Amino acid sequence: MSEHEHNHNHNHEHGEDCGHDHSHDEEIVVAFSDEEGNEKEMVLVQTFDVGEDVYALLLERNNPEADGFILRLEEEDGETVLVNIEEEEEWAKVEAAYNELVAAQGEE
C-alpha cells in the first residue's frame, strides 16, 4: 500500500449500540466516495493494534484484490469512528506493523 491510499475522509459510526456483532463474524461494510465521486463498498476484514491505537483494514467488497485502506479506530461521543492517518510518522509505524502481520500470517 502506498502512502496515498490512506487519504480518504470517512467517519463511520460503529459503537456498542450500532447493532453490529463486534467479533466481526458479520460482514461490516462501509461506503466510501473517491475524489471523482465514485462510491465503493469497503469491507472491514481485520483490526490490529499498534501501540495503544487500533487500526482497521478495509478491502473493496467487489474487488478484494485491489489495494485496501487502513484507518485508525477512535472513540467519539461513545461511538467508534474510522479516522484518516494523516501523519507520515504514524503511517510508517502502521505500515510496518501491517507488513509484519501479513508476514506472520504467511508463515502459518
Protein backbone atom coordinates (compact mmCIF):
# COMPACT_ATOMS: atom_id res chain seq x y z
CA MET A 1 0.00 0.00 0.00
CA SER A 2 1.27 3.41 -0.84
CA GLU A 3 1.13 6.37 1.48
CA HIS A 4 -1.60 7.98 -0.63
CA GLU A 5 -4.14 5.19 -0.23
CA HIS A 6 -4.97 6.24 3.31
CA ASN A 7 -6.09 9.78 2.49
CA HIS A 8 -9.86 9.27 2.32
CA ASN A 9 -12.27 11.02 4.66
CA HIS A 10 -14.93 8.93 6.32
CA ASN A 11 -16.45 8.89 9.75
CA HIS A 12 -18.46 5.71 10.18
CA GLU A 13 -20.32 5.45 13.46
CA HIS A 14 -19.79 1.96 14.76
CA GLY A 15 -20.28 1.64 18.50
CA GLU A 16 -21.64 -0.83 21.01
CA ASP A 17 -25.26 0.07 20.23
CA CYS A 18 -24.96 0.06 16.45
CA GLY A 19 -26.39 -3.44 16.02
CA HIS A 20 -23.19 -4.93 14.63
CA ASP A 21 -21.53 -8.02 16.03
CA HIS A 22 -18.13 -6.65 17.05
CA SER A 23 -16.48 -10.06 16.90
CA HIS A 24 -16.53 -9.47 13.11
CA ASP A 25 -18.37 -12.73 12.39
CA GLU A 26 -20.75 -10.47 10.49
CA GLU A 27 -19.54 -8.56 7.45
CA ILE A 28 -19.12 -4.85 8.22
CA VAL A 29 -19.50 -2.75 5.08
CA VAL A 30 -18.57 0.94 4.80
CA ALA A 31 -19.29 3.13 1.75
CA PHE A 32 -16.53 5.46 0.54
CA SER A 33 -16.57 8.08 -2.20
CA ASP A 34 -13.36 8.74 -4.06
CA GLU A 35 -12.17 12.13 -5.36
CA GLU A 36 -14.27 11.66 -8.52
CA GLY A 37 -17.47 10.90 -6.60
CA ASN A 38 -17.44 7.16 -7.34
CA GLU A 39 -18.82 5.16 -4.43
CA LYS A 40 -17.12 1.93 -3.35
CA GLU A 41 -18.24 -0.51 -0.71
CA MET A 42 -15.41 -1.50 1.58
CA VAL A 43 -15.45 -4.46 3.96
CA LEU A 44 -13.71 -4.35 7.32
CA VAL A 45 -11.64 -7.53 7.18
CA GLN A 46 -9.28 -7.14 10.11
CA THR A 47 -8.33 -4.96 13.04
CA PHE A 48 -4.88 -4.80 14.61
CA ASP A 49 -3.12 -2.88 17.36
CA VAL A 50 -0.13 -0.59 17.02
CA GLY A 51 0.87 0.66 20.45
CA GLU A 52 -2.29 1.83 22.19
CA ASP A 53 -4.18 2.52 18.94
CA VAL A 54 -6.38 0.13 16.95
CA TYR A 55 -6.45 0.15 13.15
CA ALA A 56 -8.87 -1.35 10.64
CA LEU A 57 -8.04 -2.90 7.27
CA LEU A 58 -10.78 -2.37 4.70
CA LEU A 59 -10.87 -4.03 1.27
CA GLU A 60 -13.12 -3.27 -1.66
CA ARG A 61 -16.13 -5.57 -1.45
CA ASN A 62 -16.34 -6.26 -5.20
CA ASN A 63 -12.58 -6.33 -5.78
CA PRO A 64 -10.77 -7.72 -2.73
CA GLU A 65 -7.52 -8.00 -4.71
CA ALA A 66 -7.37 -4.19 -5.09
CA ASP A 67 -5.38 -2.09 -2.64
CA GLY A 68 -7.20 -1.52 0.61
CA PHE A 69 -7.32 1.19 3.22
CA ILE A 70 -6.03 1.26 6.76
CA LEU A 71 -7.78 3.68 9.10
CA ARG A 72 -7.45 4.34 12.83
CA LEU A 73 -10.40 3.45 15.07
CA GLU A 74 -11.25 6.10 17.68
CA GLU A 75 -13.97 6.62 20.25
CA GLU A 76 -16.01 9.76 19.68
CA ASP A 77 -19.09 10.53 21.78
CA GLY A 78 -19.39 6.88 22.78
CA GLU A 79 -19.21 5.67 19.18
CA THR A 80 -16.34 4.07 17.27
CA VAL A 81 -15.35 6.04 14.15
CA LEU A 82 -12.85 5.48 11.34
CA VAL A 83 -10.21 8.23 11.10
CA ASN A 84 -7.62 9.01 8.43
CA ILE A 85 -3.96 8.54 9.23
CA GLU A 86 -2.59 11.99 8.49
CA GLU A 87 0.92 11.94 9.97
CA GLU A 88 3.64 10.24 7.93
CA GLU A 89 5.37 9.03 11.12
CA GLU A 90 2.18 7.29 12.27
CA TRP A 91 1.62 5.84 8.78
CA ALA A 92 5.16 4.42 8.72
CA LYS A 93 4.56 2.63 12.06
CA VAL A 94 1.17 1.29 10.95
CA GLU A 95 2.51 0.14 7.59
CA ALA A 96 5.42 -1.67 9.27
CA ALA A 97 3.06 -3.36 11.76
CA TYR A 98 0.70 -4.40 8.95
CA ASN A 99 3.59 -5.85 6.91
CA GLU A 100 4.73 -7.85 9.97
CA LEU A 101 1.18 -9.11 10.45
CA VAL A 102 0.95 -10.22 6.82
CA ALA A 103 4.34 -11.94 7.04
CA ALA A 104 3.33 -13.78 10.22
CA GLN A 105 0.07 -14.93 8.62
CA GLY A 106 2.01 -16.16 5.60
CA GLU A 107 4.10 -18.39 7.87
CA GLU A 108 1.02 -20.13 9.32
